[in-house]
Amino acid sequence: MVLEKGVSMSYIKFKELSKYFDFKYQIEPKDLPDYAKEYVSDKEKILMGYKNSKDYAVFTDKKMILFDRDTLAVYYKKIHMFPYSSISTSAINFKPGKVELLFSFDSGYQLHVNFIDMNHDKKEVIKEVYKQMMNSKL
């Protein structure tokens, strides 16, 4: 490729617009670690918690809190808080052994929260949490 004199090339760095979380284990609110509970106000009710080997999810009646931990190279913990009022669209997908929650937020940010190794009863719990999340927007 030949550039004209005075013309420079530039590039755009691609940044992922969607964040993906995968959770396997359901946790009762009383069994959540203390650091996860400290992000829940006294005016909120914890609906359910989920975890995988390193991350946690806490669903309250007002917001979703996701704890993104990386312990491989350098230990870090990133805490994402998503008020349900900022969700512009959402979907729930049921697949064999899996449930996907898909969110688009007012900011344009997209989020995929996946639950794996789910039987019918576990899927029903997620469905109820999802319905409460969406009803809180009304």
N, C-alpha and C. Protein backbone atom coordinates (compact mmCIF):
# COMPACT_ATOMS: atom_id res chain seq x y z
N MET A 1 0.85 -1.18 0.00
CA MET A 1 0.00 0.00 0.00
C MET A 1 0.89 1.24 0.00
N VAL A 2 0.60 2.16 -0.86
CA VAL A 2 1.38 3.39 -0.99
C VAL A 2 0.53 4.54 -0.47
N LEU A 3 1.13 5.34 0.41
CA LEU A 3 0.43 6.50 0.95
C LEU A 3 0.91 7.75 0.24
N GLU A 4 0.00 8.68 0.06
CA GLU A 4 0.38 9.96 -0.53
C GLU A 4 1.22 10.73 0.48
N LYS A 5 1.99 11.63 -0.02
CA LYS A 5 2.83 12.45 0.85
C LYS A 5 1.94 13.25 1.80
N GLY A 6 2.28 13.25 3.07
CA GLY A 6 1.51 13.99 4.06
C GLY A 6 0.35 13.21 4.66
N VAL A 7 0.12 12.01 4.16
CA VAL A 7 -0.98 11.18 4.68
C VAL A 7 -0.38 10.14 5.61
N SER A 8 -0.93 10.01 6.77
CA SER A 8 -0.42 9.01 7.70
C SER A 8 -1.48 7.95 7.95
N MET A 9 -1.03 6.81 8.38
CA MET A 9 -1.96 5.73 8.71
C MET A 9 -2.29 5.81 10.20
N SER A 10 -3.48 5.45 10.50
CA SER A 10 -3.86 5.36 11.90
C SER A 10 -4.66 4.09 12.08
N TYR A 11 -4.84 3.69 13.30
CA TYR A 11 -5.63 2.50 13.56
C TYR A 11 -6.51 2.75 14.77
N ILE A 12 -7.53 1.97 14.83
CA ILE A 12 -8.44 2.03 15.97
C ILE A 12 -8.23 0.76 16.78
N LYS A 13 -7.98 0.93 18.03
CA LYS A 13 -7.81 -0.23 18.90
C LYS A 13 -9.19 -0.78 19.24
N PHE A 14 -9.38 -2.05 19.00
CA PHE A 14 -10.67 -2.69 19.27
C PHE A 14 -10.76 -3.00 20.76
N LYS A 15 -11.84 -2.59 21.35
CA LYS A 15 -12.11 -2.91 22.75
C LYS A 15 -13.43 -3.66 22.79
N GLU A 16 -13.42 -4.77 23.47
CA GLU A 16 -14.62 -5.59 23.56
C GLU A 16 -15.74 -4.80 24.22
N LEU A 17 -16.92 -4.80 23.59
CA LEU A 17 -18.06 -4.08 24.13
C LEU A 17 -18.91 -4.93 25.05
N SER A 18 -18.72 -6.21 25.01
CA SER A 18 -19.50 -7.11 25.85
C SER A 18 -18.60 -7.80 26.85
N LYS A 19 -19.12 -7.97 28.04
CA LYS A 19 -18.42 -8.72 29.08
C LYS A 19 -19.19 -10.00 29.32
N TYR A 20 -18.46 -11.09 29.49
CA TYR A 20 -19.07 -12.40 29.70
C TYR A 20 -18.71 -12.92 31.08
N PHE A 21 -19.70 -13.45 31.77
CA PHE A 21 -19.49 -14.12 33.05
C PHE A 21 -20.16 -15.48 32.98
N ASP A 22 -19.50 -16.48 33.51
CA ASP A 22 -20.05 -17.83 33.59
C ASP A 22 -20.10 -18.25 35.05
N PHE A 23 -21.27 -18.70 35.49
CA PHE A 23 -21.44 -19.15 36.87
C PHE A 23 -22.00 -20.56 36.89
N LYS A 24 -21.58 -21.31 37.90
CA LYS A 24 -21.98 -22.71 37.99
C LYS A 24 -22.75 -23.03 39.27
N TYR A 25 -22.39 -22.40 40.37
CA TYR A 25 -22.94 -22.79 41.67
C TYR A 25 -23.85 -21.71 42.24
N GLN A 26 -25.01 -22.12 42.70
CA GLN A 26 -25.95 -21.23 43.38
C GLN A 26 -25.55 -21.15 44.84
N ILE A 27 -25.62 -19.94 45.41
CA ILE A 27 -25.25 -19.73 46.81
C ILE A 27 -26.39 -19.02 47.51
N GLU A 28 -26.80 -19.53 48.63
CA GLU A 28 -27.80 -18.85 49.44
C GLU A 28 -27.21 -17.55 49.97
N PRO A 29 -28.03 -16.51 50.14
CA PRO A 29 -27.51 -15.23 50.62
C PRO A 29 -26.68 -15.33 51.90
N LYS A 30 -27.08 -16.16 52.83
CA LYS A 30 -26.35 -16.28 54.10
C LYS A 30 -24.95 -16.87 53.92
N ASP A 31 -24.71 -17.56 52.80
CA ASP A 31 -23.42 -18.21 52.55
C ASP A 31 -22.48 -17.38 51.68
N LEU A 32 -22.89 -16.19 51.28
CA LEU A 32 -22.02 -15.32 50.50
C LEU A 32 -20.87 -14.82 51.37
N PRO A 33 -19.69 -14.58 50.78
CA PRO A 33 -18.59 -14.03 51.58
C PRO A 33 -18.92 -12.62 52.05
N ASP A 34 -18.34 -12.22 53.17
CA ASP A 34 -18.62 -10.90 53.74
C ASP A 34 -18.30 -9.77 52.77
N TYR A 35 -17.20 -9.90 52.01
CA TYR A 35 -16.86 -8.81 51.09
C TYR A 35 -17.93 -8.61 50.02
N ALA A 36 -18.67 -9.66 49.68
CA ALA A 36 -19.75 -9.52 48.70
C ALA A 36 -20.96 -8.84 49.32
N LYS A 37 -21.22 -9.13 50.57
CA LYS A 37 -22.38 -8.54 51.25
C LYS A 37 -22.19 -7.05 51.54
N GLU A 38 -20.96 -6.60 51.66
CA GLU A 38 -20.75 -5.20 52.02
C GLU A 38 -21.13 -4.22 50.91
N TYR A 39 -21.41 -4.71 49.71
CA TYR A 39 -21.87 -3.86 48.61
C TYR A 39 -23.39 -3.81 48.51
N VAL A 40 -24.06 -4.43 49.46
CA VAL A 40 -25.52 -4.45 49.50
C VAL A 40 -25.96 -3.52 50.62
N SER A 41 -26.84 -2.57 50.31
CA SER A 41 -27.30 -1.62 51.33
C SER A 41 -28.34 -2.27 52.23
N ASP A 42 -28.58 -1.63 53.36
CA ASP A 42 -29.58 -2.12 54.31
C ASP A 42 -30.98 -2.08 53.72
N LYS A 43 -31.18 -1.27 52.69
CA LYS A 43 -32.50 -1.13 52.07
C LYS A 43 -32.73 -2.14 50.95
N GLU A 44 -31.76 -3.01 50.72
CA GLU A 44 -31.88 -4.01 49.65
C GLU A 44 -32.05 -5.40 50.23
N LYS A 45 -32.67 -6.24 49.43
CA LYS A 45 -32.83 -7.65 49.78
C LYS A 45 -32.04 -8.48 48.77
N ILE A 46 -31.20 -9.38 49.27
CA ILE A 46 -30.45 -10.26 48.38
C ILE A 46 -31.39 -11.36 47.91
N LEU A 47 -31.53 -11.49 46.58
CA LEU A 47 -32.38 -12.52 46.01
C LEU A 47 -31.64 -13.85 45.91
N MET A 48 -30.40 -13.80 45.38
CA MET A 48 -29.62 -15.02 45.22
C MET A 48 -28.19 -14.67 44.87
N GLY A 49 -27.30 -15.59 45.11
CA GLY A 49 -25.90 -15.44 44.73
C GLY A 49 -25.47 -16.62 43.88
N TYR A 50 -24.43 -16.40 43.09
CA TYR A 50 -23.86 -17.46 42.25
C TYR A 50 -22.35 -17.31 42.25
N LYS A 51 -21.65 -18.40 41.94
CA LYS A 51 -20.20 -18.33 41.89
C LYS A 51 -19.66 -19.34 40.89
N ASN A 52 -18.41 -19.10 40.52
CA ASN A 52 -17.63 -20.11 39.81
C ASN A 52 -16.34 -20.26 40.60
N SER A 53 -15.28 -20.70 40.00
CA SER A 53 -14.05 -20.93 40.77
C SER A 53 -13.43 -19.65 41.31
N LYS A 54 -13.72 -18.50 40.69
CA LYS A 54 -13.09 -17.27 41.14
C LYS A 54 -14.02 -16.06 41.24
N ASP A 55 -15.14 -16.06 40.56
CA ASP A 55 -16.03 -14.91 40.51
C ASP A 55 -17.31 -15.16 41.31
N TYR A 56 -17.95 -14.06 41.70
CA TYR A 56 -19.25 -14.12 42.38
C TYR A 56 -20.23 -13.20 41.69
N ALA A 57 -21.51 -13.53 41.80
CA ALA A 57 -22.60 -12.65 41.36
C ALA A 57 -23.59 -12.56 42.50
N VAL A 58 -24.05 -11.34 42.77
CA VAL A 58 -25.07 -11.12 43.79
C VAL A 58 -26.21 -10.36 43.12
N PHE A 59 -27.40 -10.91 43.23
CA PHE A 59 -28.59 -10.28 42.68
C PHE A 59 -29.44 -9.81 43.85
N THR A 60 -29.67 -8.50 43.91
CA THR A 60 -30.55 -7.94 44.93
C THR A 60 -31.86 -7.53 44.26
N ASP A 61 -32.75 -6.95 45.03
CA ASP A 61 -33.99 -6.46 44.44
C ASP A 61 -33.80 -5.14 43.69
N LYS A 62 -32.58 -4.55 43.73
CA LYS A 62 -32.32 -3.28 43.07
C LYS A 62 -31.17 -3.30 42.07
N LYS A 63 -30.21 -4.19 42.26
CA LYS A 63 -29.04 -4.18 41.39
C LYS A 63 -28.38 -5.56 41.31
N MET A 64 -27.51 -5.67 40.31
CA MET A 64 -26.69 -6.85 40.11
C MET A 64 -25.24 -6.45 40.41
N ILE A 65 -24.56 -7.24 41.23
CA ILE A 65 -23.17 -6.97 41.58
C ILE A 65 -22.34 -8.16 41.11
N LEU A 66 -21.33 -7.89 40.29
CA LEU A 66 -20.48 -8.95 39.76
C LEU A 66 -19.05 -8.71 40.22
N PHE A 67 -18.45 -9.73 40.79
CA PHE A 67 -17.08 -9.67 41.28
C PHE A 67 -16.21 -10.45 40.31
N ASP A 68 -15.36 -9.73 39.61
CA ASP A 68 -14.50 -10.30 38.58
C ASP A 68 -13.09 -10.39 39.16
N ARG A 69 -12.65 -11.60 39.48
CA ARG A 69 -11.33 -11.77 40.08
C ARG A 69 -10.42 -12.53 39.13
N ASP A 70 -9.17 -12.10 39.08
CA ASP A 70 -8.16 -12.81 38.29
C ASP A 70 -7.00 -13.12 39.21
N THR A 71 -6.67 -14.37 39.32
CA THR A 71 -5.59 -14.76 40.21
C THR A 71 -4.44 -15.43 39.46
N LEU A 72 -4.48 -15.43 38.13
CA LEU A 72 -3.45 -16.13 37.37
C LEU A 72 -2.13 -15.36 37.34
N ALA A 73 -2.11 -14.20 36.76
CA ALA A 73 -0.86 -13.45 36.63
C ALA A 73 -0.69 -12.48 37.80
N VAL A 74 -1.56 -11.51 37.84
CA VAL A 74 -1.53 -10.52 38.92
C VAL A 74 -2.91 -10.52 39.54
N TYR A 75 -2.95 -10.63 40.85
CA TYR A 75 -4.25 -10.68 41.52
C TYR A 75 -4.94 -9.32 41.39
N TYR A 76 -6.16 -9.34 40.92
CA TYR A 76 -6.98 -8.14 40.93
C TYR A 76 -8.43 -8.54 41.13
N LYS A 77 -9.20 -7.60 41.60
CA LYS A 77 -10.64 -7.81 41.75
C LYS A 77 -11.33 -6.57 41.21
N LYS A 78 -12.23 -6.77 40.27
CA LYS A 78 -13.01 -5.68 39.71
C LYS A 78 -14.46 -5.92 40.10
N ILE A 79 -15.10 -4.90 40.63
CA ILE A 79 -16.49 -5.03 41.07
C ILE A 79 -17.36 -4.20 40.14
N HIS A 80 -18.30 -4.88 39.50
CA HIS A 80 -19.25 -4.22 38.59
C HIS A 80 -20.59 -4.14 39.32
N MET A 81 -21.19 -2.96 39.32
CA MET A 81 -22.52 -2.78 39.92
C MET A 81 -23.44 -2.24 38.84
N PHE A 82 -24.54 -2.95 38.61
CA PHE A 82 -25.49 -2.58 37.57
C PHE A 82 -26.87 -2.39 38.18
N PRO A 83 -27.30 -1.14 38.36
CA PRO A 83 -28.68 -0.92 38.82
C PRO A 83 -29.64 -1.40 37.73
N TYR A 84 -30.69 -2.06 38.13
CA TYR A 84 -31.65 -2.57 37.15
C TYR A 84 -32.29 -1.44 36.36
N SER A 85 -32.36 -0.24 36.94
CA SER A 85 -32.96 0.90 36.25
C SER A 85 -32.16 1.31 35.01
N SER A 86 -30.89 0.89 34.91
CA SER A 86 -30.06 1.26 33.76
C SER A 86 -30.12 0.24 32.63
N ILE A 87 -30.90 -0.82 32.80
CA ILE A 87 -31.03 -1.83 31.75
C ILE A 87 -32.04 -1.33 30.71
N SER A 88 -31.60 -1.25 29.45
CA SER A 88 -32.53 -0.81 28.40
C SER A 88 -33.24 -1.99 27.75
N THR A 89 -32.54 -3.09 27.52
CA THR A 89 -33.17 -4.31 27.00
C THR A 89 -32.53 -5.52 27.67
N SER A 90 -33.29 -6.60 27.72
CA SER A 90 -32.75 -7.83 28.30
C SER A 90 -33.43 -9.03 27.66
N ALA A 91 -32.79 -10.17 27.82
CA ALA A 91 -33.36 -11.42 27.32
C ALA A 91 -32.87 -12.55 28.21
N ILE A 92 -33.68 -13.59 28.29
CA ILE A 92 -33.27 -14.81 28.98
C ILE A 92 -33.39 -15.94 27.98
N ASN A 93 -32.33 -16.71 27.84
CA ASN A 93 -32.30 -17.84 26.91
C ASN A 93 -32.13 -19.13 27.70
N PHE A 94 -32.99 -20.08 27.44
CA PHE A 94 -32.89 -21.39 28.06
C PHE A 94 -32.36 -22.37 27.03
N LYS A 95 -31.28 -23.04 27.37
CA LYS A 95 -30.69 -24.06 26.51
C LYS A 95 -30.49 -25.31 27.35
N PRO A 96 -30.26 -26.45 26.72
CA PRO A 96 -30.04 -27.66 27.52
C PRO A 96 -28.86 -27.48 28.49
N GLY A 97 -29.15 -27.56 29.78
CA GLY A 97 -28.11 -27.45 30.80
C GLY A 97 -27.57 -26.06 31.03
N LYS A 98 -28.19 -25.04 30.44
CA LYS A 98 -27.63 -23.69 30.49
C LYS A 98 -28.73 -22.64 30.45
N VAL A 99 -28.47 -21.51 31.12
CA VAL A 99 -29.33 -20.33 31.03
C VAL A 99 -28.42 -19.14 30.73
N GLU A 100 -28.85 -18.28 29.81
CA GLU A 100 -28.11 -17.07 29.48
C GLU A 100 -28.98 -15.86 29.78
N LEU A 101 -28.42 -14.90 30.49
CA LEU A 101 -29.06 -13.60 30.67
C LEU A 101 -28.28 -12.61 29.83
N LEU A 102 -28.97 -11.89 28.95
CA LEU A 102 -28.34 -10.93 28.06
C LEU A 102 -28.88 -9.55 28.37
N PHE A 103 -27.98 -8.59 28.57
CA PHE A 103 -28.39 -7.24 28.94
C PHE A 103 -27.74 -6.22 28.03
N SER A 104 -28.50 -5.19 27.68
CA SER A 104 -27.96 -3.98 27.07
C SER A 104 -28.34 -2.85 28.01
N PHE A 105 -27.37 -2.00 28.29
CA PHE A 105 -27.59 -0.90 29.23
C PHE A 105 -27.74 0.41 28.49
N ASP A 106 -28.26 1.40 29.19
CA ASP A 106 -28.47 2.73 28.60
C ASP A 106 -27.18 3.29 28.00
N SER A 107 -26.04 2.93 28.57
CA SER A 107 -24.74 3.43 28.10
C SER A 107 -24.28 2.74 26.82
N GLY A 108 -24.97 1.66 26.41
CA GLY A 108 -24.55 0.89 25.25
C GLY A 108 -23.74 -0.34 25.62
N TYR A 109 -23.33 -0.43 26.87
CA TYR A 109 -22.57 -1.59 27.36
C TYR A 109 -23.44 -2.83 27.31
N GLN A 110 -22.85 -3.94 26.92
CA GLN A 110 -23.59 -5.20 26.87
C GLN A 110 -22.95 -6.19 27.82
N LEU A 111 -23.79 -7.04 28.39
CA LEU A 111 -23.33 -8.00 29.38
C LEU A 111 -24.02 -9.33 29.14
N HIS A 112 -23.25 -10.40 29.23
CA HIS A 112 -23.76 -11.76 29.11
C HIS A 112 -23.43 -12.48 30.41
N VAL A 113 -24.45 -12.96 31.09
CA VAL A 113 -24.25 -13.73 32.32
C VAL A 113 -24.79 -15.12 32.04
N ASN A 114 -23.90 -16.10 32.08
CA ASN A 114 -24.25 -17.48 31.75
C ASN A 114 -24.23 -18.35 33.00
N PHE A 115 -25.17 -19.25 33.06
CA PHE A 115 -25.26 -20.21 34.17
C PHE A 115 -25.17 -21.60 33.54
N ILE A 116 -24.18 -22.37 33.97
CA ILE A 116 -23.95 -23.68 33.35
C ILE A 116 -24.25 -24.81 34.32
N ASP A 117 -24.40 -26.00 33.78
CA ASP A 117 -24.76 -27.19 34.56
C ASP A 117 -26.06 -26.98 35.32
N MET A 118 -27.07 -26.47 34.63
CA MET A 118 -28.35 -26.15 35.25
C MET A 118 -29.39 -27.22 34.94
N ASN A 119 -30.01 -27.75 35.98
CA ASN A 119 -31.16 -28.64 35.78
C ASN A 119 -32.43 -27.80 35.80
N HIS A 120 -33.58 -28.43 35.68
CA HIS A 120 -34.85 -27.71 35.61
C HIS A 120 -35.07 -26.83 36.85
N ASP A 121 -34.85 -27.37 38.04
CA ASP A 121 -35.10 -26.61 39.27
C ASP A 121 -34.19 -25.39 39.37
N LYS A 122 -32.93 -25.53 39.01
CA LYS A 122 -32.00 -24.40 39.05
C LYS A 122 -32.39 -23.34 38.02
N LYS A 123 -32.88 -23.79 36.87
CA LYS A 123 -33.35 -22.84 35.85
C LYS A 123 -34.55 -22.06 36.35
N GLU A 124 -35.43 -22.71 37.10
CA GLU A 124 -36.60 -22.02 37.65
C GLU A 124 -36.19 -20.93 38.63
N VAL A 125 -35.16 -21.17 39.43
CA VAL A 125 -34.68 -20.15 40.37
C VAL A 125 -34.16 -18.95 39.60
N ILE A 126 -33.37 -19.18 38.57
CA ILE A 126 -32.83 -18.08 37.75
C ILE A 126 -33.97 -17.33 37.08
N LYS A 127 -34.96 -18.05 36.58
CA LYS A 127 -36.11 -17.40 35.94
C LYS A 127 -36.82 -16.48 36.94
N GLU A 128 -37.00 -16.92 38.18
CA GLU A 128 -37.66 -16.08 39.19
C GLU A 128 -36.83 -14.85 39.53
N VAL A 129 -35.52 -15.01 39.65
CA VAL A 129 -34.64 -13.87 39.90
C VAL A 129 -34.74 -12.88 38.74
N TYR A 130 -34.69 -13.39 37.52
CA TYR A 130 -34.79 -12.53 36.34
C TYR A 130 -36.12 -11.77 36.32
N LYS A 131 -37.22 -12.45 36.62
CA LYS A 131 -38.52 -11.78 36.65
C LYS A 131 -38.55 -10.67 37.71
N GLN A 132 -37.97 -10.92 38.87
CA GLN A 132 -37.93 -9.87 39.91
C GLN A 132 -37.05 -8.70 39.47
N MET A 133 -35.95 -9.01 38.78
CA MET A 133 -35.09 -7.93 38.26
C MET A 133 -35.88 -7.04 37.31
N MET A 134 -36.58 -7.64 36.38
CA MET A 134 -37.31 -6.87 35.37
C MET A 134 -38.53 -6.19 35.96
N ASN A 135 -39.19 -6.80 36.93
CA ASN A 135 -40.34 -6.16 37.59
C ASN A 135 -39.91 -4.96 38.41
N SER A 136 -38.67 -4.94 38.88
CA SER A 136 -38.22 -3.79 39.67
C SER A 136 -38.06 -2.54 38.81
N LYS A 137 -37.99 -2.72 37.49
CA LYS A 137 -37.89 -1.57 36.58
C LYS A 137 -39.23 -0.88 36.37
N LEU A 138 -40.33 -1.57 36.67
CA LEU A 138 -41.66 -1.01 36.40
C LEU A 138 -42.03 0.06 37.39
